[in-house]
PDB file of N, CA and C in Angstrom:
ATOM      1  N   SER A   1      18.489 -18.684  -4.269  1.00  0.00           N
ATOM      2  CA  SER A   1      17.968 -19.830  -3.522  1.00  0.00           C
ATOM      3  C   SER A   1      16.469 -19.853  -3.627  1.00  0.00           C
ATOM      4  N   SER A   2      15.895 -21.005  -3.373  1.00  0.00           N
ATOM      5  CA  SER A   2      14.443 -21.187  -3.437  1.00  0.00           C
ATOM      6  C   SER A   2      13.895 -21.348  -2.031  1.00  0.00           C
ATOM      7  N   HIS A   3      12.687 -20.868  -1.878  1.00  0.00           N
ATOM      8  CA  HIS A   3      11.962 -21.026  -0.620  1.00  0.00           C
ATOM      9  C   HIS A   3      10.548 -21.502  -0.924  1.00  0.00           C
ATOM     10  N   ILE A   4      10.063 -22.368  -0.077  1.00  0.00           N
ATOM     11  CA  ILE A   4       8.691 -22.855  -0.196  1.00  0.00           C
ATOM     12  C   ILE A   4       7.868 -22.222   0.938  1.00  0.00           C
ATOM     13  N   ILE A   5       6.790 -21.597   0.551  1.00  0.00           N
ATOM     14  CA  ILE A   5       5.920 -20.911   1.507  1.00  0.00           C
ATOM     15  C   ILE A   5       4.590 -21.631   1.527  1.00  0.00           C
ATOM     16  N   GLN A   6       4.213 -22.112   2.708  1.00  0.00           N
ATOM     17  CA  GLN A   6       2.902 -22.763   2.868  1.00  0.00           C
ATOM     18  C   GLN A   6       1.833 -21.677   3.012  1.00  0.00           C
ATOM     19  N   TYR A   7       0.720 -21.847   2.356  1.00  0.00           N
ATOM     20  CA  TYR A   7      -0.362 -20.876   2.461  1.00  0.00           C
ATOM     21  C   TYR A   7      -1.715 -21.565   2.268  1.00  0.00           C
ATOM     22  N   GLU A   8      -2.751 -20.894   2.738  1.00  0.00           N
ATOM     23  CA  GLU A   8      -4.103 -21.370   2.493  1.00  0.00           C
ATOM     24  C   GLU A   8      -4.764 -20.399   1.516  1.00  0.00           C
ATOM     25  N   SER A   9      -5.605 -20.932   0.676  1.00  0.00           N
ATOM     26  CA  SER A   9      -6.248 -20.101  -0.320  1.00  0.00           C
ATOM     27  C   SER A   9      -7.607 -19.598   0.199  1.00  0.00           C
ATOM     28  N   PRO A  10      -7.948 -18.353   0.013  1.00  0.00           N
ATOM     29  CA  PRO A  10      -7.209 -17.332  -0.724  1.00  0.00           C
ATOM     30  C   PRO A  10      -6.152 -16.669   0.183  1.00  0.00           C
ATOM     31  N   THR A  11      -5.059 -16.288  -0.420  1.00  0.00           N
ATOM     32  CA  THR A  11      -3.998 -15.554   0.263  1.00  0.00           C
ATOM     33  C   THR A  11      -3.531 -14.438  -0.650  1.00  0.00           C
ATOM     34  N   TRP A  12      -3.242 -13.292  -0.062  1.00  0.00           N
ATOM     35  CA  TRP A  12      -2.798 -12.115  -0.801  1.00  0.00           C
ATOM     36  C   TRP A  12      -1.338 -11.833  -0.430  1.00  0.00           C
ATOM     37  N   PHE A  13      -0.492 -11.655  -1.408  1.00  0.00           N
ATOM     38  CA  PHE A  13       0.886 -11.264  -1.175  1.00  0.00           C
ATOM     39  C   PHE A  13       1.075  -9.831  -1.704  1.00  0.00           C
ATOM     40  N   TYR A  14       1.517  -8.937  -0.862  1.00  0.00           N
ATOM     41  CA  TYR A  14       1.772  -7.561  -1.257  1.00  0.00           C
ATOM     42  C   TYR A  14       3.263  -7.314  -1.255  1.00  0.00           C
ATOM     43  N   MET A  15       3.749  -6.690  -2.311  1.00  0.00           N
ATOM     44  CA  MET A  15       5.149  -6.257  -2.399  1.00  0.00           C
ATOM     45  C   MET A  15       5.147  -4.786  -2.743  1.00  0.00           C
ATOM     46  N   PHE A  16       6.026  -4.033  -2.102  1.00  0.00           N
ATOM     47  CA  PHE A  16       6.032  -2.597  -2.347  1.00  0.00           C
ATOM     48  C   PHE A  16       7.373  -1.994  -2.056  1.00  0.00           C
ATOM     49  N   THR A  17       7.637  -0.863  -2.712  1.00  0.00           N
ATOM     50  CA  THR A  17       8.821  -0.095  -2.434  1.00  0.00           C
ATOM     51  C   THR A  17       8.536   0.766  -1.203  1.00  0.00           C
ATOM     52  N   ASP A  18       9.514   1.540  -0.768  1.00  0.00           N
ATOM     53  CA  ASP A  18       9.309   2.401   0.385  1.00  0.00           C
ATOM     54  C   ASP A  18       8.607   3.736   0.026  1.00  0.00           C
ATOM     55  N   GLY A  19       8.240   3.910  -1.233  1.00  0.00           N
ATOM     56  CA  GLY A  19       7.681   5.168  -1.695  1.00  0.00           C
ATOM     57  C   GLY A  19       6.355   5.536  -1.038  1.00  0.00           C
ATOM     58  N   PHE A  20       5.473   4.573  -0.845  1.00  0.00           N
ATOM     59  CA  PHE A  20       4.150   4.863  -0.257  1.00  0.00           C
ATOM     60  C   PHE A  20       4.319   5.315   1.198  1.00  0.00           C
ATOM     61  N   GLN A  21       4.989   4.514   1.989  1.00  0.00           N
ATOM     62  CA  GLN A  21       5.095   4.803   3.423  1.00  0.00           C
ATOM     63  C   GLN A  21       6.002   5.988   3.709  1.00  0.00           C
ATOM     64  N   ASP A  22       6.899   6.322   2.813  1.00  0.00           N
ATOM     65  CA  ASP A  22       7.824   7.473   3.043  1.00  0.00           C
ATOM     66  C   ASP A  22       7.268   8.774   2.486  1.00  0.00           C
ATOM     67  N   GLN A  23       6.085   8.730   1.879  1.00  0.00           N
ATOM     68  CA  GLN A  23       5.510   9.942   1.284  1.00  0.00           C
ATOM     69  C   GLN A  23       5.054  10.908   2.371  1.00  0.00           C
ATOM     70  N   PHE A  24       5.461  12.171   2.239  1.00  0.00           N
ATOM     71  CA  PHE A  24       5.058  13.215   3.168  1.00  0.00           C
ATOM     72  C   PHE A  24       3.664  13.722   2.782  1.00  0.00           C
ATOM     73  N   GLY A  25       2.943  14.151   3.831  1.00  0.00           N
ATOM     74  CA  GLY A  25       1.610  14.700   3.615  1.00  0.00           C
ATOM     75  C   GLY A  25       0.807  14.683   4.910  1.00  0.00           C
ATOM     76  N   GLY A  26      -0.474  14.632   4.754  1.00  0.00           N
ATOM     77  CA  GLY A  26      -1.375  14.633   5.933  1.00  0.00           C
ATOM     78  C   GLY A  26      -1.405  16.016   6.593  1.00  0.00           C
ATOM     79  N   PRO A  27      -2.101  16.094   7.709  1.00  0.00           N
ATOM     80  CA  PRO A  27      -2.310  17.394   8.343  1.00  0.00           C
ATOM     81  C   PRO A  27      -1.032  18.020   8.882  1.00  0.00           C
ATOM     82  N   ASN A  28      -0.021  17.238   9.194  1.00  0.00           N
ATOM     83  CA  ASN A  28       1.217  17.772   9.777  1.00  0.00           C
ATOM     84  C   ASN A  28       2.429  17.590   8.877  1.00  0.00           C
ATOM     85  N   ASP A  29       2.189  17.288   7.605  1.00  0.00           N
ATOM     86  CA  ASP A  29       3.261  17.050   6.629  1.00  0.00           C
ATOM     87  C   ASP A  29       4.279  16.057   7.150  1.00  0.00           C
ATOM     88  N   ARG A  30       3.780  14.887   7.562  1.00  0.00           N
ATOM     89  CA  ARG A  30       4.626  13.790   8.066  1.00  0.00           C
ATOM     90  C   ARG A  30       4.585  12.647   7.080  1.00  0.00           C
ATOM     91  N   LYS A  31       5.469  11.667   7.287  1.00  0.00           N
ATOM     92  CA  LYS A  31       5.477  10.478   6.456  1.00  0.00           C
ATOM     93  C   LYS A  31       4.236   9.622   6.718  1.00  0.00           C
ATOM     94  N   TYR A  32       3.799   8.916   5.676  1.00  0.00           N
ATOM     95  CA  TYR A  32       2.615   8.045   5.797  1.00  0.00           C
ATOM     96  C   TYR A  32       2.854   6.900   6.809  1.00  0.00           C
ATOM     97  N   MET A  33       4.033   6.282   6.756  1.00  0.00           N
ATOM     98  CA  MET A  33       4.516   5.274   7.671  1.00  0.00           C
ATOM     99  C   MET A  33       3.978   3.883   7.369  1.00  0.00           C
ATOM    100  N   ILE A  34       4.815   2.891   7.626  1.00  0.00           N
ATOM    101  CA  ILE A  34       4.511   1.497   7.304  1.00  0.00           C
ATOM    102  C   ILE A  34       3.324   0.963   8.129  1.00  0.00           C
ATOM    103  N   LYS A  35       3.202   1.374   9.365  1.00  0.00           N
ATOM    104  CA  LYS A  35       2.091   0.909  10.210  1.00  0.00           C
ATOM    105  C   LYS A  35       0.761   1.275   9.569  1.00  0.00           C
ATOM    106  N   ARG A  36       0.638   2.496   9.129  1.00  0.00           N
ATOM    107  CA  ARG A  36      -0.607   2.963   8.511  1.00  0.00           C
ATOM    108  C   ARG A  36      -0.895   2.178   7.199  1.00  0.00           C
ATOM    109  N   LEU A  37       0.169   1.935   6.430  1.00  0.00           N
ATOM    110  CA  LEU A  37       0.003   1.184   5.165  1.00  0.00           C
ATOM    111  C   LEU A  37      -0.443  -0.258   5.467  1.00  0.00           C
ATOM    112  N   LYS A  38       0.185  -0.886   6.434  1.00  0.00           N
ATOM    113  CA  LYS A  38      -0.228  -2.265   6.766  1.00  0.00           C
ATOM    114  C   LYS A  38      -1.669  -2.323   7.227  1.00  0.00           C
ATOM    115  N   GLU A  39      -2.083  -1.376   8.020  1.00  0.00           N
ATOM    116  CA  GLU A  39      -3.491  -1.317   8.515  1.00  0.00           C
ATOM    117  C   GLU A  39      -4.430  -1.156   7.348  1.00  0.00           C
ATOM    118  N   LEU A  40      -4.076  -0.282   6.390  1.00  0.00           N
ATOM    119  CA  LEU A  40      -4.922  -0.070   5.223  1.00  0.00           C
ATOM    120  C   LEU A  40      -5.041  -1.333   4.385  1.00  0.00           C
ATOM    121  N   LEU A  41      -3.894  -2.016   4.168  1.00  0.00           N
ATOM    122  CA  LEU A  41      -3.910  -3.245   3.390  1.00  0.00           C
ATOM    123  C   LEU A  41      -4.770  -4.320   4.087  1.00  0.00           C
ATOM    124  N   LEU A  42      -4.667  -4.416   5.385  1.00  0.00           N
ATOM    125  CA  LEU A  42      -5.491  -5.386   6.130  1.00  0.00           C
ATOM    126  C   LEU A  42      -6.960  -5.014   6.012  1.00  0.00           C
ATOM    127  N   ASP A  43      -7.290  -3.748   5.941  1.00  0.00           N
ATOM    128  CA  ASP A  43      -8.706  -3.314   5.828  1.00  0.00           C
ATOM    129  C   ASP A  43      -9.295  -3.599   4.446  1.00  0.00           C
ATOM    130  N   ILE A  44      -8.446  -3.592   3.414  1.00  0.00           N
ATOM    131  CA  ILE A  44      -8.993  -3.706   2.036  1.00  0.00           C
ATOM    132  C   ILE A  44      -8.630  -4.986   1.324  1.00  0.00           C
ATOM    133  N   HIS A  45      -7.864  -5.868   1.905  1.00  0.00           N
ATOM    134  CA  HIS A  45      -7.313  -7.033   1.190  1.00  0.00           C
ATOM    135  C   HIS A  45      -8.391  -7.982   0.617  1.00  0.00           C
ATOM    136  N   TYR A  46      -9.537  -8.009   1.185  1.00  0.00           N
ATOM    137  CA  TYR A  46     -10.618  -8.886   0.724  1.00  0.00           C
ATOM    138  C   TYR A  46     -11.421  -8.308  -0.433  1.00  0.00           C
ATOM    139  N   LYS A  47     -11.213  -7.064  -0.754  1.00  0.00           N
ATOM    140  CA  LYS A  47     -11.956  -6.397  -1.817  1.00  0.00           C
ATOM    141  C   LYS A  47     -11.393  -6.771  -3.203  1.00  0.00           C
ATOM    142  N   PRO A  48     -12.162  -6.617  -4.236  1.00  0.00           N
ATOM    143  CA  PRO A  48     -11.676  -6.885  -5.599  1.00  0.00           C
ATOM    144  C   PRO A  48     -10.448  -6.020  -5.910  1.00  0.00           C
ATOM    145  N   MET A  49      -9.559  -6.526  -6.732  1.00  0.00           N
ATOM    146  CA  MET A  49      -8.296  -5.835  -7.029  1.00  0.00           C
ATOM    147  C   MET A  49      -8.515  -4.393  -7.532  1.00  0.00           C
ATOM    148  N   GLN A  50      -9.450  -4.191  -8.454  1.00  0.00           N
ATOM    149  CA  GLN A  50      -9.688  -2.864  -8.976  1.00  0.00           C
ATOM    150  C   GLN A  50     -10.111  -1.886  -7.858  1.00  0.00           C
ATOM    151  N   GLU A  51     -10.938  -2.396  -6.945  1.00  0.00           N
ATOM    152  CA  GLU A  51     -11.374  -1.541  -5.835  1.00  0.00           C
ATOM    153  C   GLU A  51     -10.204  -1.235  -4.901  1.00  0.00           C
ATOM    154  N   GLN A  52      -9.322  -2.203  -4.658  1.00  0.00           N
ATOM    155  CA  GLN A  52      -8.138  -1.946  -3.868  1.00  0.00           C
ATOM    156  C   GLN A  52      -7.282  -0.884  -4.535  1.00  0.00           C
ATOM    157  N   HIS A  53      -7.097  -1.016  -5.838  1.00  0.00           N
ATOM    158  CA  HIS A  53      -6.315  -0.020  -6.582  1.00  0.00           C
ATOM    159  C   HIS A  53      -6.908   1.389  -6.402  1.00  0.00           C
ATOM    160  N   ASP A  54      -8.219   1.478  -6.574  1.00  0.00           N
ATOM    161  CA  ASP A  54      -8.882   2.790  -6.446  1.00  0.00           C
ATOM    162  C   ASP A  54      -8.720   3.364  -5.031  1.00  0.00           C
ATOM    163  N   ILE A  55      -8.882   2.541  -4.016  1.00  0.00           N
ATOM    164  CA  ILE A  55      -8.715   2.965  -2.620  1.00  0.00           C
ATOM    165  C   ILE A  55      -7.305   3.443  -2.346  1.00  0.00           C
ATOM    166  N   LEU A  56      -6.313   2.658  -2.777  1.00  0.00           N
ATOM    167  CA  LEU A  56      -4.929   3.026  -2.557  1.00  0.00           C
ATOM    168  C   LEU A  56      -4.563   4.316  -3.281  1.00  0.00           C
ATOM    169  N   LYS A  57      -5.036   4.457  -4.521  1.00  0.00           N
ATOM    170  CA  LYS A  57      -4.755   5.669  -5.283  1.00  0.00           C
ATOM    171  C   LYS A  57      -5.347   6.904  -4.604  1.00  0.00           C
ATOM    172  N   LYS A  58      -6.615   6.787  -4.166  1.00  0.00           N
ATOM    173  CA  LYS A  58      -7.260   7.909  -3.501  1.00  0.00           C
ATOM    174  C   LYS A  58      -6.569   8.232  -2.187  1.00  0.00           C
ATOM    175  N   GLU A  59      -6.184   7.184  -1.448  1.00  0.00           N
ATOM    176  CA  GLU A  59      -5.542   7.364  -0.159  1.00  0.00           C
ATOM    177  C   GLU A  59      -4.232   8.179  -0.302  1.00  0.00           C
ATOM    178  N   ILE A  60      -3.390   7.778  -1.237  1.00  0.00           N
ATOM    179  CA  ILE A  60      -2.105   8.496  -1.379  1.00  0.00           C
ATOM    180  C   ILE A  60      -2.292   9.893  -1.969  1.00  0.00           C
ATOM    181  N   GLU A  61      -3.236  10.048  -2.856  1.00  0.00           N
ATOM    182  CA  GLU A  61      -3.527  11.382  -3.402  1.00  0.00           C
ATOM    183  C   GLU A  61      -4.069  12.304  -2.327  1.00  0.00           C
ATOM    184  N   ASP A  62      -4.966  11.817  -1.495  1.00  0.00           N
ATOM    185  CA  ASP A  62      -5.517  12.625  -0.394  1.00  0.00           C
ATOM    186  C   ASP A  62      -4.410  12.941   0.621  1.00  0.00           C
ATOM    187  N   TRP A  63      -3.507  11.980   0.861  1.00  0.00           N
ATOM    188  CA  TRP A  63      -2.460  12.151   1.846  1.00  0.00           C
ATOM    189  C   TRP A  63      -1.487  13.282   1.414  1.00  0.00           C
ATOM    190  N   MET A  64      -1.120  13.281   0.130  1.00  0.00           N
ATOM    191  CA  MET A  64      -0.107  14.226  -0.326  1.00  0.00           C
ATOM    192  C   MET A  64      -0.695  15.424  -1.034  1.00  0.00           C
ATOM    193  N   ILE A  65      -1.906  15.796  -0.680  1.00  0.00           N
ATOM    194  CA  ILE A  65      -2.615  16.862  -1.373  1.00  0.00           C
ATOM    195  C   ILE A  65      -1.857  18.171  -1.401  1.00  0.00           C
ATOM    196  N   ASP A  66      -1.126  18.500  -0.319  1.00  0.00           N
ATOM    197  CA  ASP A  66      -0.350  19.745  -0.287  1.00  0.00           C
ATOM    198  C   ASP A  66       1.146  19.499  -0.394  1.00  0.00           C
ATOM    199  N   SER A  67       1.538  18.275  -0.730  1.00  0.00           N
ATOM    200  CA  SER A  67       2.962  17.920  -0.827  1.00  0.00           C
ATOM    201  C   SER A  67       3.232  17.369  -2.235  1.00  0.00           C
ATOM    202  N   HIS A  68       4.480  17.443  -2.642  1.00  0.00           N
ATOM    203  CA  HIS A  68       4.839  16.843  -3.928  1.00  0.00           C
ATOM    204  C   HIS A  68       5.311  15.429  -3.703  1.00  0.00           C
ATOM    205  N   GLN A  69       5.235  14.591  -4.696  1.00  0.00           N
ATOM    206  CA  GLN A  69       5.689  13.209  -4.567  1.00  0.00           C
ATOM    207  C   GLN A  69       7.191  13.172  -4.433  1.00  0.00           C
ATOM    208  N   THR A  70       7.704  12.520  -3.408  1.00  0.00           N
ATOM    209  CA  THR A  70       9.117  12.516  -3.078  1.00  0.00           C
ATOM    210  C   THR A  70       9.872  11.341  -3.632  1.00  0.00           C
ATOM    211  N   ASP A  71       9.198  10.275  -4.065  1.00  0.00           N
ATOM    212  CA  ASP A  71       9.893   9.050  -4.487  1.00  0.00           C
ATOM    213  C   ASP A  71       8.960   8.281  -5.408  1.00  0.00           C
ATOM    214  N   ASP A  72       9.505   7.228  -6.027  1.00  0.00           N
ATOM    215  CA  ASP A  72       8.611   6.356  -6.820  1.00  0.00           C
ATOM    216  C   ASP A  72       7.728   5.588  -5.849  1.00  0.00           C
ATOM    217  N   ILE A  73       6.522   5.258  -6.303  1.00  0.00           N
ATOM    218  CA  ILE A  73       5.566   4.505  -5.517  1.00  0.00           C
ATOM    219  C   ILE A  73       5.170   3.288  -6.293  1.00  0.00           C
ATOM    220  N   LEU A  74       5.505   2.120  -5.775  1.00  0.00           N
ATOM    221  CA  LEU A  74       5.160   0.854  -6.410  1.00  0.00           C
ATOM    222  C   LEU A  74       4.566  -0.055  -5.368  1.00  0.00           C
ATOM    223  N   LEU A  75       3.380  -0.593  -5.647  1.00  0.00           N
ATOM    224  CA  LEU A  75       2.738  -1.550  -4.765  1.00  0.00           C
ATOM    225  C   LEU A  75       2.076  -2.602  -5.647  1.00  0.00           C
ATOM    226  N   ALA A  76       2.425  -3.846  -5.470  1.00  0.00           N
ATOM    227  CA  ALA A  76       1.878  -4.919  -6.286  1.00  0.00           C
ATOM    228  C   ALA A  76       1.270  -5.967  -5.347  1.00  0.00           C
ATOM    229  N   CYS A  77       0.176  -6.587  -5.828  1.00  0.00           N
ATOM    230  CA  CYS A  77      -0.497  -7.619  -5.046  1.00  0.00           C
ATOM    231  C   CYS A  77      -0.743  -8.851  -5.925  1.00  0.00           C
ATOM    232  N   ILE A  78      -0.528  -9.989  -5.339  1.00  0.00           N
ATOM    233  CA  ILE A  78      -0.824 -11.283  -6.010  1.00  0.00           C
ATOM    234  C   ILE A  78      -1.776 -12.049  -5.121  1.00  0.00           C
ATOM    235  N   LYS A  79      -2.889 -12.455  -5.688  1.00  0.00           N
ATOM    236  CA  LYS A  79      -3.868 -13.236  -4.951  1.00  0.00           C
ATOM    237  C   LYS A  79      -3.759 -14.692  -5.388  1.00  0.00           C
ATOM    238  N   LEU A  80      -3.560 -15.580  -4.422  1.00  0.00           N
ATOM    239  CA  LEU A  80      -3.471 -17.007  -4.712  1.00  0.00           C
ATOM    240  C   LEU A  80      -4.662 -17.717  -4.127  1.00  0.00           C
TER     241      LEU A  80
END
């Protein structure tokens, strides 16, 4: 089926698997969690795409510094 979404420009659409928010790490070896990911995306959405990529990559690497990656991590953004 088709859906029409009204938006104002500029708008950012983020799509992601559960890999980022389900990744264990941090000081207590807990999951990253969706709330933290949403807050991070809200903090960086206005930055250039390459800078967002660099921030997200550093964030997840720092988060899982003492943990191994438990799942695939996919996060895509489209700016309209």
